[in-house]
């Protein structure tokens, strides 16, 4: 009897030990929790959350004992199956991998069907997008301070979604799928397009100066984004010119160095200042060209509406792009290559360039230096940027009409020129352009279209202005003077330069040379956002002189005395002849 009791005690103890081990094991399994860390370029601004599709054990990178996860409901599974079976992307050898599933199918049946889909494939990306529609009840994150880390998840198969809403600076990642049985790290599938815009001179600048009539070249750059997970991608460039700039209808686009055919994009001009450039079938044409550079070039001419304040003539560019691969991109009803209302899109910040223009103000006065003088005509002559003087020589762009053997030049960033034959490979950064060439000409051979010529006559207030000028050398000549005045004997030379030329303003400088000594030039009025920048000059009149004279007794006496002298001469001549006869 004692032996039986002893045996029962041993068995009971053993059972208790086994039970304790089992409970401990279960608790240990239940307490095994892991972290999912999402690596994203915008991790500091985005928050991610995880949804459990399947739960189960974890062995050798595979999920075992598969059950439906906490984020899947019966209604979800029914709608999910309908969409999976109706999507041709899940066909393998002509048969949809989910075709055999039905209402009685288990979680493991679904998992086995999903296992037929290759990782990092288009069908896998599509599966993640579809699952994202039917999950509910994200796994609770124990630590919400780390937005890109999902803490304390148990073993299972998870869908990771971006919780943060899309914004201009936050493209949404494609939904991610991950088997978790240890701490896991996954990379977000998102891309944020960028945009740069410059004035295409001196190697690329944000601001410049120009005269009315000058052509300003613009260059806009972006790149082909990673379009993983998309089936439609919008890529629309909006460019707005100021009223002082006229678009020259000369846009050109390259992607990866290859010219984009005109039929692969459209340019819509609204009024005279707004351009909309729409890339047609951007996904279809460039899905395989991730990171290829996109270059858009066009020019605009400074016109008579040019702003001459420190606000300048502004040109802005902004890119609208698709930013959520998990949602269907709804196109515009009239243009399927543009996003429709509510379509998930983002926009880059506006990038702007500024072109500054100034003027010379002249006051013509009498000799006293203050009384206005009307009727004085002045001309101003100079050159547009298409004909630039360098070291006293003039250079103009080649046009294909040059004779064989004509020497051609490249323009450097410092404004000087160098023979094309002396160009050294790898030194492109020092050149304004290595595609545009120039030829050297005499001043008399500069085309009229490259010259600036203005003529103005003073009115009663004595004032004139030569508006719409940029940096350059200008010759001011007085061609007609009011009655009783003398014209300036020699022209006045004005050299205008600018410093600190940025998108927030520029500082104008001048050098005035007047060999006549008749000019007083004030300091440049730099102006502000509403007041024009201008160079004031006063030119004092040189009146004609009343020269001294004598014998002012009148012409009548002159004629009388002249007649008497003639008569006397005749009498004297007759007398001499008579005396000569008598002597003979």
Protein backbone atom coordinates (compact mmCIF):
# COMPACT_ATOMS: atom_id res chain seq x y z
CA UNK A 1 0.00 0.00 0.00
CA UNK A 2 2.78 2.34 0.85
CA UNK A 3 4.50 1.41 -2.40
CA UNK A 4 1.34 2.22 -4.38
CA UNK A 5 1.02 5.59 -2.66
CA UNK A 6 4.68 6.25 -3.31
CA UNK A 7 4.27 5.39 -7.02
CA UNK A 8 1.16 7.59 -7.30
CA UNK A 9 3.05 10.46 -5.75
CA UNK A 10 5.89 10.01 -8.22
CA UNK A 11 3.47 9.90 -11.17
CA UNK A 12 1.59 12.93 -9.87
CA UNK A 13 4.83 14.83 -9.43
CA UNK A 14 5.92 13.88 -12.92
CA UNK A 15 2.58 14.96 -14.40
CA UNK A 16 2.77 18.22 -12.51
CA UNK A 17 6.29 18.76 -13.82
CA UNK A 18 5.20 18.03 -17.40
CA UNK A 19 2.20 20.33 -17.00
CA UNK A 20 4.40 23.02 -15.54
CA UNK A 21 6.81 22.66 -18.43
CA UNK A 22 3.95 22.84 -20.91
CA UNK A 23 2.50 25.92 -19.26
CA UNK A 24 5.93 27.49 -19.08
CA UNK A 25 6.47 26.67 -22.73
CA UNK A 26 3.11 28.14 -23.67
CA UNK A 27 3.84 31.26 -21.66
CA UNK A 28 7.24 31.50 -23.25
CA UNK A 29 5.66 31.17 -26.72
CA UNK A 30 3.01 33.71 -25.81
CA UNK A 31 5.63 36.10 -24.49
CA UNK A 32 7.84 35.86 -27.61
CA UNK A 33 7.33 39.29 -29.17
CA UNK A 34 9.32 41.08 -31.83
CA UNK A 35 9.83 44.47 -33.40
CA UNK A 36 9.30 45.43 -37.04
CA UNK A 37 11.51 48.33 -38.13
CA UNK A 38 10.65 50.14 -41.35
CA UNK A 39 13.49 51.92 -43.12
CA UNK A 40 12.16 54.87 -45.09
CA UNK A 41 13.66 58.06 -46.52
CA UNK A 42 11.01 60.02 -44.66
CA UNK A 43 10.99 57.93 -41.47
CA UNK A 44 11.00 60.97 -39.21
CA UNK A 45 7.69 62.19 -40.59
CA UNK A 46 5.90 58.91 -41.28
CA UNK A 47 4.22 56.41 -39.02
CA UNK A 48 3.68 52.76 -39.86
CA UNK A 49 1.27 50.15 -38.49
CA UNK A 50 1.03 46.37 -38.83
CA UNK A 51 -1.97 44.11 -39.51
CA UNK A 52 -1.83 40.40 -38.78
CA UNK A 53 -3.01 38.33 -41.75
CA UNK A 54 -1.97 34.92 -40.34
CA UNK A 55 -0.75 33.80 -36.94
CA UNK A 56 1.34 30.68 -36.28
CA UNK A 57 4.65 29.25 -35.28
CA UNK A 58 7.92 30.15 -36.92
CA UNK A 59 10.52 27.69 -38.14
CA UNK A 60 13.24 28.09 -40.71
CA UNK A 61 11.90 31.37 -42.12
CA UNK A 62 8.51 29.73 -42.62
CA UNK A 63 5.20 29.98 -40.85
CA UNK A 64 3.73 26.79 -39.36
CA UNK A 65 0.41 25.92 -37.70
CA UNK A 66 -1.18 28.72 -39.70
CA UNK A 67 -4.38 30.36 -38.46
CA UNK A 68 -6.22 33.48 -39.46
CA UNK A 69 -4.70 36.56 -37.85
CA UNK A 70 -6.40 39.11 -35.64
CA UNK A 71 -6.82 41.64 -38.46
CA UNK A 72 -8.94 39.43 -40.75
CA UNK A 73 -12.74 39.10 -40.30
CA UNK A 74 -15.15 36.76 -42.08
CA UNK A 75 -16.50 39.63 -44.19
CA UNK A 76 -12.96 40.63 -45.10
CA UNK A 77 -12.11 37.11 -46.24
CA UNK A 78 -15.19 36.79 -48.42
CA UNK A 79 -14.57 40.08 -50.26
CA UNK A 80 -10.85 39.36 -50.42
CA UNK A 81 -11.38 36.01 -52.14
CA UNK A 82 -13.63 37.58 -54.77
CA UNK A 83 -10.99 40.14 -55.70
CA UNK A 84 -8.10 37.67 -55.66
CA UNK A 85 -9.86 35.27 -57.97
CA UNK A 86 -10.86 38.03 -60.35
CA UNK A 87 -7.36 39.43 -60.88
CA UNK A 88 -5.42 38.00 -63.85
CA UNK A 89 -2.08 39.02 -62.37
CA UNK A 90 -2.33 35.98 -60.08
CA UNK A 91 -2.50 33.51 -62.95
CA UNK A 92 0.23 30.92 -63.08
CA UNK A 93 0.43 28.76 -66.18
CA UNK A 94 -2.96 30.09 -67.16
CA UNK A 95 -4.73 29.34 -63.86
CA UNK A 96 -5.40 31.73 -61.01
CA UNK A 97 -3.51 30.46 -57.94
CA UNK A 98 -6.57 31.23 -55.79
CA UNK A 99 -9.03 29.45 -58.11
CA UNK A 100 -9.46 26.40 -55.83
CA UNK A 101 -10.41 28.38 -52.73
CA UNK A 102 -13.94 28.64 -51.44
CA UNK A 103 -16.04 29.43 -48.37
CA UNK A 104 -14.71 26.42 -46.47
CA UNK A 105 -11.05 27.08 -47.24
CA UNK A 106 -8.78 27.41 -44.23
CA UNK A 107 -6.15 29.98 -43.46
CA UNK A 108 -3.54 27.43 -44.45
CA UNK A 109 -5.25 26.96 -47.84
CA UNK A 110 -4.96 30.70 -48.45
CA UNK A 111 -1.35 30.70 -47.26
CA UNK A 112 -0.48 27.81 -49.61
CA UNK A 113 -2.01 29.69 -52.54
CA UNK A 114 -0.07 32.83 -51.64
CA UNK A 115 3.11 30.78 -51.47
CA UNK A 116 2.80 30.31 -55.25
CA UNK A 117 3.55 34.03 -55.67
CA UNK A 118 7.21 35.00 -55.92
CA UNK A 119 8.60 37.56 -53.49
CA UNK A 120 9.47 41.03 -54.78
CA UNK A 121 7.35 40.53 -57.88
CA UNK A 122 4.52 42.50 -59.48
CA UNK A 123 1.96 39.91 -58.25
CA UNK A 124 3.40 40.20 -54.71
CA UNK A 125 3.04 43.99 -54.86
CA UNK A 126 -0.52 43.61 -56.12
CA UNK A 127 -1.30 41.16 -53.30
CA UNK A 128 -0.07 43.70 -50.75
CA UNK A 129 -2.29 46.41 -52.28
CA UNK A 130 -5.36 44.15 -52.23
CA UNK A 131 -4.80 42.88 -48.70
CA UNK A 132 -4.55 46.49 -47.58
CA UNK A 133 -8.20 47.01 -48.51
CA UNK A 134 -9.53 44.20 -46.28
CA UNK A 135 -7.51 44.34 -43.07
CA UNK A 136 -8.86 46.01 -39.97
CA UNK A 137 -7.65 46.41 -36.42
CA UNK A 138 -3.95 47.17 -36.49
CA UNK A 139 -1.73 45.42 -33.96
CA UNK A 140 -1.31 47.68 -30.94
CA UNK A 141 2.11 49.29 -30.78
CA UNK A 142 3.42 49.37 -27.22
CA UNK A 143 5.75 52.29 -27.96
CA UNK A 144 4.31 55.03 -30.15
CA UNK A 145 7.33 57.30 -29.81
CA UNK A 146 9.13 55.47 -32.61
CA UNK A 147 6.89 56.01 -35.61
CA UNK A 148 8.81 53.72 -37.96
CA UNK A 149 9.12 50.87 -35.41
CA UNK A 150 6.19 48.57 -34.63
CA UNK A 151 6.86 46.98 -31.23
CA UNK A 152 5.77 43.72 -29.63
CA UNK A 153 4.25 41.64 -32.40
CA UNK A 154 4.01 37.85 -32.16
CA UNK A 155 4.93 35.35 -34.85
CA UNK A 156 2.82 35.63 -37.98
CA UNK A 157 2.37 37.05 -41.45
CA UNK A 158 1.94 40.84 -41.42
CA UNK A 159 0.85 43.60 -43.73
CA UNK A 160 2.66 46.85 -42.91
CA UNK A 161 0.90 50.02 -44.00
CA UNK A 162 1.88 53.65 -43.77
CA UNK A 163 -0.42 55.39 -41.34
CA UNK A 164 0.67 58.96 -42.15
CA UNK A 165 -1.39 60.73 -44.77
CA UNK A 166 0.20 61.63 -48.06
CA UNK A 167 1.50 65.18 -48.39
CA UNK A 168 3.79 67.25 -50.56
CA UNK A 169 6.81 65.96 -48.67
CA UNK A 170 5.48 62.51 -47.84
CA UNK A 171 4.85 59.96 -50.58
CA UNK A 172 3.09 56.83 -49.35
CA UNK A 173 4.94 53.52 -49.32
CA UNK A 174 3.53 50.52 -51.10
CA UNK A 175 1.99 48.11 -48.57
CA UNK A 176 4.60 45.63 -47.33
CA UNK A 177 4.32 41.91 -46.52
CA UNK A 178 6.56 40.17 -44.01
CA UNK A 179 6.77 36.86 -42.17
CA UNK A 180 7.81 37.65 -38.59
CA UNK A 181 9.39 35.20 -36.17
CA UNK A 182 12.23 37.42 -34.99
CA UNK A 183 12.99 41.12 -35.01
CA UNK A 184 12.41 42.16 -38.61
CA UNK A 185 13.58 45.03 -40.78
CA UNK A 186 11.93 45.98 -44.06
CA UNK A 187 12.44 48.78 -46.54
CA UNK A 188 9.61 51.10 -47.48
CA UNK A 189 8.74 51.15 -51.16
CA UNK A 190 8.31 54.82 -51.86
CA UNK A 191 10.01 57.52 -53.85
CA UNK A 192 9.83 61.29 -53.56
CA UNK A 193 10.51 63.04 -56.89
CA UNK A 194 12.59 66.18 -56.75
CA UNK A 195 12.71 69.23 -59.00
CA UNK A 196 15.33 71.86 -59.77
CA UNK A 197 15.08 74.89 -62.02
CA UNK A 198 17.78 77.30 -63.13
CA UNK A 199 18.50 79.97 -65.69
CA UNK A 200 20.76 78.14 -68.11
CA UNK A 201 23.73 80.49 -68.15
CA UNK A 202 27.07 80.63 -66.31
CA UNK A 203 26.69 76.97 -65.46
CA UNK A 204 23.19 77.45 -64.03
CA UNK A 205 21.99 80.34 -61.83
CA UNK A 206 18.86 81.11 -59.84
CA UNK A 207 18.81 84.78 -60.84
CA UNK A 208 20.22 87.01 -63.56
CA UNK A 209 19.84 90.40 -65.22
CA UNK A 210 18.63 91.07 -68.76
CA UNK A 211 17.38 93.76 -71.11
CA UNK A 212 14.04 93.90 -72.87
CA UNK A 213 14.52 91.75 -75.96
CA UNK A 214 16.97 89.38 -74.30
CA UNK A 215 16.21 85.66 -74.47
CA UNK A 216 16.40 83.92 -71.09
CA UNK A 217 17.07 80.15 -71.26
CA UNK A 218 15.55 77.92 -68.57
CA UNK A 219 16.47 74.38 -67.59
CA UNK A 220 14.33 72.17 -65.33
CA UNK A 221 15.60 68.85 -64.01
CA UNK A 222 14.01 65.88 -62.29
CA UNK A 223 14.42 62.11 -62.48
CA UNK A 224 12.33 59.07 -63.16
CA UNK A 225 11.00 57.89 -59.76
CA UNK A 226 10.78 54.28 -58.59
CA UNK A 227 7.27 53.33 -59.68
CA UNK A 228 7.16 49.93 -57.95
CA UNK A 229 3.55 49.01 -57.20
CA UNK A 230 2.04 51.50 -59.63
CA UNK A 231 0.15 50.67 -62.78
CA UNK A 232 -0.54 54.33 -63.62
CA UNK A 233 1.68 57.27 -62.74
CA UNK A 234 0.99 60.98 -63.20
CA UNK A 235 3.90 63.31 -63.95
CA UNK A 236 2.78 66.88 -64.66
CA UNK A 237 5.02 69.95 -64.70
CA UNK A 238 3.46 73.37 -64.12
CA UNK A 239 5.50 76.44 -65.03
CA UNK A 240 4.37 80.03 -64.47
CA UNK A 241 6.11 82.99 -66.08
CA UNK A 242 5.74 86.60 -65.02
CA UNK A 243 4.04 89.09 -67.33
CA UNK A 244 7.48 90.38 -68.29
CA UNK A 245 8.50 87.07 -69.88
CA UNK A 246 7.11 85.69 -73.15
CA UNK A 247 7.37 81.93 -73.77
CA UNK A 248 9.02 81.21 -77.12
CA UNK A 249 7.24 77.90 -77.88
CA UNK A 250 10.55 76.05 -78.05
CA UNK A 251 10.35 73.39 -75.34
CA UNK A 252 12.56 70.28 -75.58
CA UNK A 253 12.69 67.26 -73.24
CA UNK A 254 15.17 64.46 -72.74
CA UNK A 255 14.98 61.41 -70.46
CA UNK A 256 18.23 59.60 -69.82
CA UNK A 257 19.81 61.70 -72.55
CA UNK A 258 17.30 60.57 -75.19
CA UNK A 259 15.02 63.12 -76.81
CA UNK A 260 11.35 62.66 -75.95
CA UNK A 261 9.17 62.74 -79.05
CA UNK A 262 6.65 65.59 -79.21
CA UNK A 263 3.77 63.11 -79.30
CA UNK A 264 4.82 61.73 -75.88
CA UNK A 265 4.00 64.94 -74.01
CA UNK A 266 1.65 67.88 -74.34
CA UNK A 267 2.17 71.57 -73.61
CA UNK A 268 -0.87 73.65 -72.75
CA UNK A 269 -0.43 77.41 -72.55
CA UNK A 270 -3.01 79.36 -70.57
CA UNK A 271 -2.89 83.04 -71.42
CA UNK A 272 0.70 84.20 -71.82
CA UNK A 273 2.16 83.08 -68.53
CA UNK A 274 1.05 79.55 -67.55
CA UNK A 275 2.48 76.37 -69.03
CA UNK A 276 1.34 72.84 -68.25
CA UNK A 277 3.56 70.00 -69.47
CA UNK A 278 1.91 66.58 -69.23
CA UNK A 279 3.91 63.39 -69.82
CA UNK A 280 1.81 60.83 -71.66
CA UNK A 281 1.73 57.24 -70.31
CA UNK A 282 4.59 58.04 -67.97
CA UNK A 283 4.47 54.61 -66.30
CA UNK A 284 4.38 52.71 -69.58
CA UNK A 285 7.21 54.70 -71.13
CA UNK A 286 9.61 55.01 -68.19
CA UNK A 287 8.86 52.28 -65.63
CA UNK A 288 12.17 50.61 -66.47
CA UNK A 289 14.20 53.84 -66.35
CA UNK A 290 14.31 54.52 -62.59
CA UNK A 291 16.68 57.40 -61.70
CA UNK A 292 17.22 58.47 -65.32
CA UNK A 293 17.55 62.25 -65.49
CA UNK A 294 14.65 64.23 -66.95
CA UNK A 295 15.71 67.56 -68.52
CA UNK A 296 13.23 70.16 -69.77
CA UNK A 297 14.54 73.22 -71.63
CA UNK A 298 12.81 76.27 -73.05
CA UNK A 299 13.37 79.99 -73.46
CA UNK A 300 11.42 83.17 -72.78
CA UNK A 301 11.99 86.70 -74.05
CA UNK A 302 11.98 89.73 -71.74
CA UNK A 303 9.19 91.99 -72.98
CA UNK A 304 8.04 95.57 -72.41
CA UNK A 305 5.98 94.52 -69.37
CA UNK A 306 9.18 93.69 -67.53
CA UNK A 307 9.17 94.45 -63.82
CA UNK A 308 12.01 96.82 -62.87
CA UNK A 309 11.66 96.55 -59.10
CA UNK A 310 13.54 94.28 -56.73
CA UNK A 311 10.67 91.80 -57.05
CA UNK A 312 12.06 91.04 -60.51
CA UNK A 313 10.53 88.91 -63.23
CA UNK A 314 9.74 85.63 -61.51
CA UNK A 315 9.41 82.21 -63.12
CA UNK A 316 8.20 79.29 -60.98
CA UNK A 317 8.04 75.55 -61.56
CA UNK A 318 6.26 72.81 -59.62
CA UNK A 319 5.84 69.08 -60.20
CA UNK A 320 2.64 67.13 -59.53
CA UNK A 321 3.21 63.39 -59.20
CA UNK A 322 1.51 60.20 -58.03
CA UNK A 323 2.32 59.44 -54.41
CA UNK A 324 0.27 56.43 -53.28
CA UNK A 325 0.68 53.10 -55.10
CA UNK A 326 -1.96 51.46 -52.89
CA UNK A 327 -4.82 53.46 -54.39
CA UNK A 328 -6.22 53.42 -57.89
CA UNK A 329 -5.14 56.50 -59.80
CA UNK A 330 -8.27 58.18 -61.14
CA UNK A 331 -7.47 60.23 -64.26
CA UNK A 332 -8.99 63.49 -65.38
CA UNK A 333 -12.14 63.05 -67.47
CA UNK A 334 -10.70 65.00 -70.40
CA UNK A 335 -7.06 63.93 -70.21
CA UNK A 336 -6.23 60.45 -68.91
CA UNK A 337 -2.60 61.46 -68.34
CA UNK A 338 -3.61 64.06 -65.75
CA UNK A 339 -4.84 63.25 -62.21
CA UNK A 340 -8.57 63.64 -61.65
CA UNK A 341 -10.25 65.11 -58.57
CA UNK A 342 -9.25 63.20 -55.44
CA UNK A 343 -6.46 61.25 -57.14
CA UNK A 344 -3.56 60.56 -54.73
CA UNK A 345 -0.89 63.03 -55.77
CA UNK A 346 1.85 65.10 -54.21
CA UNK A 347 3.58 68.30 -55.26
CA UNK A 348 7.15 69.43 -54.98
CA UNK A 349 7.81 72.83 -53.43
CA UNK A 350 7.74 75.67 -55.94
CA UNK A 351 11.14 76.44 -57.40
CA UNK A 352 11.65 79.96 -58.72
CA UNK A 353 14.09 81.92 -60.79
CA UNK A 354 14.23 85.71 -61.10
CA UNK A 355 15.38 88.02 -63.89
CA UNK A 356 16.10 91.64 -62.93
CA UNK A 357 15.76 94.67 -65.20
CA UNK A 358 16.60 98.35 -64.58
CA UNK A 359 16.50 101.76 -66.31
CA UNK A 360 18.36 105.06 -66.74
CA UNK A 361 16.47 108.27 -65.88
CA UNK A 362 17.74 111.52 -67.45
CA UNK A 363 16.84 115.12 -66.54
CA UNK A 364 17.88 117.69 -69.16
CA UNK A 365 18.23 121.22 -67.71
CA UNK A 366 19.30 124.68 -68.73
CA UNK A 367 22.73 125.94 -67.78
CA UNK A 368 21.54 126.63 -64.24
CA UNK A 369 21.26 122.89 -63.62
CA UNK A 370 17.67 123.02 -62.38
CA UNK A 371 15.34 124.49 -65.02
CA UNK A 372 13.90 121.67 -67.18
CA UNK A 373 14.62 121.91 -70.90
CA UNK A 374 12.35 120.46 -73.56
CA UNK A 375 13.24 119.46 -77.11
CA UNK A 376 16.53 117.63 -76.51
CA UNK A 377 16.72 114.29 -78.31
CA UNK A 378 18.93 111.47 -77.00
CA UNK A 379 19.67 108.00 -78.31
CA UNK A 380 20.87 104.97 -76.34
CA UNK A 381 22.76 102.15 -78.02
CA UNK A 382 23.91 98.82 -76.60
CA UNK A 383 23.83 95.09 -77.21
CA UNK A 384 21.63 92.21 -76.10
CA UNK A 385 23.21 89.11 -74.58
CA UNK A 386 23.14 87.48 -78.01
CA UNK A 387 26.11 89.68 -78.89
CA UNK A 388 28.45 89.98 -75.94
CA UNK A 389 31.56 92.12 -75.86
CA UNK A 390 34.57 90.37 -74.36
CA UNK A 391 37.89 92.20 -74.15
CA UNK A 392 36.66 94.73 -76.71
CA UNK A 393 35.58 92.07 -79.22
CA UNK A 394 32.05 91.03 -80.11
CA UNK A 395 30.80 87.47 -80.21
CA UNK A 396 27.51 86.30 -81.72
CA UNK A 397 25.97 82.86 -81.88
CA UNK A 398 26.71 80.87 -84.99
CA UNK A 399 23.74 80.28 -87.27
CA UNK A 400 25.07 77.78 -89.81
CA UNK A 401 25.80 80.37 -92.49
CA UNK A 402 29.47 80.66 -91.61
CA UNK A 403 32.12 80.09 -94.25
CA UNK A 404 34.26 76.99 -94.05
CA UNK A 405 37.16 77.46 -91.68
CA UNK A 406 35.43 80.09 -89.52
CA UNK A 407 36.80 79.90 -85.99
CA UNK A 408 34.15 79.09 -83.40
CA UNK A 409 34.18 79.64 -79.65
CA UNK A 410 32.56 78.39 -76.46
CA UNK A 411 31.52 80.86 -73.79
CA UNK A 412 32.98 80.34 -70.30
CA UNK A 413 31.20 80.99 -67.03
CA UNK A 414 33.22 84.17 -66.47
CA UNK A 415 31.92 85.70 -69.71
CA UNK A 416 35.08 85.20 -71.77
CA UNK A 417 35.40 83.00 -74.84
CA UNK A 418 37.66 80.14 -75.80
CA UNK A 419 38.21 78.42 -79.14
CA UNK A 420 36.28 75.20 -79.53
CA UNK A 421 39.50 73.59 -80.73
CA UNK A 422 41.09 74.34 -77.34
CA UNK A 423 38.36 72.64 -75.31
CA UNK A 424 39.69 69.97 -72.93
CA UNK A 425 37.44 67.02 -72.09
CA UNK A 426 36.30 66.99 -68.47
CA UNK A 427 36.33 70.77 -68.03
CA UNK A 428 32.63 71.29 -68.90
CA UNK A 429 31.93 72.82 -65.47
CA UNK A 430 33.88 75.94 -66.47
CA UNK A 431 31.77 76.54 -69.58
CA UNK A 432 28.41 78.22 -69.95
CA UNK A 433 27.65 75.65 -72.65
CA UNK A 434 29.58 73.19 -74.78
CA UNK A 435 26.82 72.89 -77.35
CA UNK A 436 26.23 76.55 -78.23
CA UNK A 437 29.03 78.06 -80.31
CA UNK A 438 29.92 81.68 -81.14
CA UNK A 439 31.92 83.52 -83.79
CA UNK A 440 33.94 86.73 -83.44
CA UNK A 441 32.67 89.75 -85.42
CA UNK A 442 33.32 93.48 -85.71
CA UNK A 443 30.85 95.81 -84.03
CA UNK A 444 29.54 96.82 -87.46
CA UNK A 445 28.75 93.17 -88.21
CA UNK A 446 26.61 92.57 -85.14
CA UNK A 447 23.07 91.72 -86.35
CA UNK A 448 20.47 94.43 -85.83
CA UNK A 449 18.38 91.93 -83.89
CA UNK A 450 21.15 91.81 -81.29
CA UNK A 451 21.37 95.56 -80.82
CA UNK A 452 19.56 97.88 -78.43
CA UNK A 453 18.61 101.25 -79.90
CA UNK A 454 16.28 103.75 -78.24
CA UNK A 455 15.51 107.39 -79.07
CA UNK A 456 13.61 109.77 -76.80
CA UNK A 457 12.99 113.56 -76.79
CA UNK A 458 12.51 115.56 -73.60
CA UNK A 459 9.17 117.28 -72.98
CA UNK A 460 8.36 120.25 -70.75
CA UNK A 461 9.56 118.49 -67.61
CA UNK A 462 12.93 117.79 -69.21
CA UNK A 463 12.73 114.10 -68.29
CA UNK A 464 13.27 110.95 -70.33
CA UNK A 465 14.10 107.36 -69.40
CA UNK A 466 15.69 104.40 -71.09
CA UNK A 467 13.83 101.47 -69.52
CA UNK A 468 14.34 97.75 -69.74
CA UNK A 469 18.11 97.48 -69.35
CA UNK A 470 20.29 94.77 -67.92
CA UNK A 471 24.03 94.63 -67.30
CA UNK A 472 25.99 96.07 -70.21
CA UNK A 473 27.73 99.04 -71.78
CA UNK A 474 25.47 101.77 -73.15
CA UNK A 475 26.31 104.82 -75.32
CA UNK A 476 24.07 107.86 -74.83
CA UNK A 477 24.26 110.49 -77.57
CA UNK A 478 22.49 113.85 -77.84
CA UNK A 479 21.37 113.97 -81.47
CA UNK A 480 19.29 117.18 -81.41
CA UNK A 481 19.45 120.21 -79.14
CA UNK A 482 16.75 122.81 -78.47
CA UNK A 483 17.01 126.17 -80.27
CA UNK A 484 19.81 128.32 -78.92
CA UNK A 485 21.64 125.28 -77.55
CA UNK A 486 24.59 123.19 -78.59
CA UNK A 487 24.52 119.39 -78.72
CA UNK A 488 26.94 117.47 -76.53
CA UNK A 489 30.11 117.15 -78.54
CA UNK A 490 30.82 113.56 -77.44
CA UNK A 491 28.67 110.61 -76.31
CA UNK A 492 28.28 109.58 -72.67
CA UNK A 493 29.26 106.00 -71.76
CA UNK A 494 27.35 104.19 -69.00
CA UNK A 495 28.44 100.77 -67.79
CA UNK A 496 25.83 98.96 -65.69
CA UNK A 497 26.80 95.96 -63.57
CA UNK A 498 25.06 94.01 -60.81
CA UNK A 499 26.27 92.19 -57.72
CA UNK A 500 24.61 89.94 -55.16
CA UNK A 501 22.16 88.68 -57.78
CA UNK A 502 19.90 86.21 -55.94
CA UNK A 503 16.21 85.35 -55.87
CA UNK A 504 15.75 87.93 -53.10
CA UNK A 505 17.19 90.90 -55.00
CA UNK A 506 20.27 92.40 -56.62
CA UNK A 507 22.48 95.45 -56.21
CA UNK A 508 22.94 97.62 -59.30
CA UNK A 509 26.23 99.44 -59.92
CA UNK A 510 27.29 102.02 -62.53
CA UNK A 511 30.24 103.76 -64.10
CA UNK A 512 29.49 106.96 -66.03
CA UNK A 513 32.05 108.59 -68.35
CA UNK A 514 31.17 111.99 -69.84
CA UNK A 515 34.04 113.76 -71.68
CA UNK A 516 31.77 116.81 -72.05
CA UNK A 517 31.69 117.43 -68.31
CA UNK A 518 27.96 118.09 -68.52
CA UNK A 519 26.65 115.11 -66.58
CA UNK A 520 25.95 114.56 -62.91
CA UNK A 521 25.03 110.97 -62.08
CA UNK A 522 23.43 110.14 -58.76
CA UNK A 523 23.72 106.90 -56.84
CA UNK A 524 21.71 103.98 -58.17
CA UNK A 525 18.24 103.91 -56.63
CA UNK A 526 18.10 100.23 -55.72
CA UNK A 527 14.33 100.25 -55.26
CA UNK A 528 12.27 97.66 -53.42
CA UNK A 529 9.46 95.28 -54.28
CA UNK A 530 7.29 98.17 -55.48
CA UNK A 531 9.75 100.98 -56.35
CA UNK A 532 11.75 100.70 -59.55
CA UNK A 533 15.52 100.40 -59.54
CA UNK A 534 17.00 103.22 -61.63
CA UNK A 535 20.06 105.33 -62.33
CA UNK A 536 19.27 109.09 -62.16
CA UNK A 537 21.37 111.42 -64.32
CA UNK A 538 21.24 115.20 -64.88
CA UNK A 539 22.63 116.61 -68.13
CA UNK A 540 23.20 120.37 -68.16
CA UNK A 541 22.58 122.22 -71.47
CA UNK A 542 25.43 124.00 -73.30
CA UNK A 543 23.85 127.13 -74.81
CA UNK A 544 25.13 128.75 -78.05
CA UNK A 545 27.46 131.80 -77.55
CA UNK A 546 26.72 135.40 -78.87
CA UNK A 547 30.10 136.23 -80.50
CA UNK A 548 31.33 139.94 -80.50
CA UNK A 549 30.99 142.13 -83.71
CA UNK A 550 31.90 145.71 -84.87
CA UNK A 551 30.65 148.28 -87.47
CA UNK A 552 27.05 147.67 -86.79
CA UNK A 553 25.75 150.79 -88.73
CA UNK A 554 23.41 148.89 -90.94
CA UNK A 555 23.41 147.59 -94.48
CA UNK A 556 21.78 150.69 -96.01
CA UNK A 557 24.79 152.88 -95.17
CA UNK A 558 27.04 150.12 -96.41
CA UNK A 559 25.25 150.08 -99.75
CA UNK A 560 25.29 153.99 -99.92
CA UNK A 561 29.00 154.28 -99.24
CA UNK A 562 29.61 151.55 -101.69
CA UNK A 563 27.71 153.38 -104.44
CA UNK A 564 29.61 156.66 -103.78
CA UNK A 565 32.92 154.83 -104.00
CA UNK A 566 31.93 153.32 -107.34
CA UNK A 567 30.83 156.77 -108.71
CA UNK A 568 34.08 158.37 -107.52
CA UNK A 569 36.09 155.70 -109.24
CA UNK A 570 34.30 156.38 -112.55
CA UNK A 571 34.90 160.20 -112.31
CA UNK A 572 38.57 159.63 -111.52
CA UNK A 573 38.96 157.33 -114.50
CA UNK A 574 37.36 159.82 -116.95
CA UNK A 575 39.49 162.71 -115.64
CA UNK A 576 42.71 160.75 -116.10
CA UNK A 577 41.77 159.92 -119.70
CA UNK A 578 41.10 163.60 -120.55
CA UNK A 579 44.42 164.70 -119.11
CA UNK A 580 46.17 162.05 -121.14
CA UNK A 581 44.57 163.39 -124.39
CA UNK A 582 45.65 166.99 -123.69
CA UNK A 583 49.22 165.94 -123.10
CA UNK A 584 49.28 164.13 -126.41
